[in-house]
Amino acid sequence: MASQFVAPVVANDCVGTSTEGNPLPYFKCKKISADPVTTECVTMRLFYVTCPKLNQLCNKLSNAYVSSVTVCRQNLF
């Protein structure tokens, strides 16, 4: 029997599986700034730095992974 990918969606409480059968747990959060209020599954995301031209201390290579709860609360995407 072949493995199947199950997407982490709100309907399955944001817990899916990869094609290898490994669990893909995501964090379920409520987006309150959207109209209407929606519930989404989020995980860690990579955010890129945008440096102003005059800021010499800013490094364009200093990207950061942001935790799922920060992605959820800050509405960064």
Protein backbone atom coordinates (compact mmCIF):
# COMPACT_ATOMS: atom_id res chain seq x y z
CA MET A 1 0.00 0.00 0.00
CA ALA A 2 1.44 3.37 -1.05
CA SER A 3 1.80 6.20 1.42
CA GLN A 4 -0.31 9.30 0.95
CA PHE A 5 0.26 12.92 1.86
CA VAL A 6 -2.33 14.35 4.24
CA ALA A 7 -2.26 18.15 4.37
CA PRO A 8 -2.42 19.79 7.80
CA VAL A 9 -5.71 21.68 7.61
CA VAL A 10 -8.15 23.08 10.15
CA ALA A 11 -10.53 20.16 9.54
CA ASN A 12 -7.99 17.63 10.88
CA ASP A 13 -6.78 19.94 13.70
CA CYS A 14 -3.67 20.93 11.69
CA VAL A 15 -2.09 17.48 11.99
CA GLY A 16 -1.19 15.85 8.70
CA THR A 17 1.34 13.31 7.43
CA SER A 18 4.05 13.35 4.80
CA THR A 19 4.27 10.83 1.98
CA GLU A 20 6.66 8.82 4.18
CA GLY A 21 4.08 8.71 6.97
CA ASN A 22 5.88 11.18 9.25
CA PRO A 23 3.59 13.50 11.22
CA LEU A 24 3.34 17.13 10.12
CA PRO A 25 1.93 18.92 13.18
CA TYR A 26 1.09 22.57 12.66
CA PHE A 27 -0.16 25.21 15.07
CA LYS A 28 -3.83 26.19 14.72
CA CYS A 29 -4.52 29.86 15.26
CA LYS A 30 -7.34 32.32 14.85
CA LYS A 31 -6.62 35.34 12.67
CA ILE A 32 -8.51 38.14 14.38
CA SER A 33 -7.41 41.01 12.14
CA ALA A 34 -8.93 39.45 9.04
CA ASP A 35 -12.50 40.17 8.11
CA PRO A 36 -14.17 37.75 8.60
CA VAL A 37 -12.23 35.99 11.36
CA THR A 38 -10.53 32.88 9.98
CA THR A 39 -8.69 29.94 11.50
CA GLU A 40 -5.48 28.82 9.83
CA CYS A 41 -2.68 26.30 10.30
CA VAL A 42 0.77 27.87 10.65
CA THR A 43 4.29 26.66 11.23
CA MET A 44 7.71 28.32 11.46
CA ARG A 45 8.47 30.64 8.55
CA LEU A 46 11.65 32.21 7.22
CA PHE A 47 11.49 36.00 7.05
CA TYR A 48 13.99 38.01 5.07
CA VAL A 49 15.58 41.24 6.26
CA THR A 50 14.88 44.49 4.43
CA CYS A 51 17.60 46.97 5.24
CA PRO A 52 17.28 50.72 4.66
CA LYS A 53 20.04 52.15 2.48
CA LEU A 54 21.45 54.40 5.21
CA ASN A 55 21.62 51.77 7.96
CA GLN A 56 25.17 50.39 7.78
CA LEU A 57 24.66 48.10 10.79
CA CYS A 58 21.91 46.13 9.09
CA ASN A 59 23.02 42.90 7.45
CA LYS A 60 20.92 41.73 4.49
CA LEU A 61 21.97 38.14 5.21
CA SER A 62 20.54 38.05 8.74
CA ASN A 63 17.29 36.27 7.96
CA ALA A 64 15.39 34.61 10.78
CA TYR A 65 12.99 31.76 11.35
CA VAL A 66 9.99 33.01 13.27
CA SER A 67 8.01 30.68 15.51
CA SER A 68 4.50 29.73 14.54
CA VAL A 69 2.92 31.61 17.46
CA THR A 70 4.68 34.82 16.33
CA VAL A 71 3.46 34.28 12.77
CA CYS A 72 -0.04 33.85 14.14
CA ARG A 73 -0.12 36.83 16.48
CA GLN A 74 1.80 39.34 14.39
CA ASN A 75 0.08 38.62 11.06
CA LEU A 76 3.42 38.63 9.26
CA PHE A 77 2.10 36.94 6.15
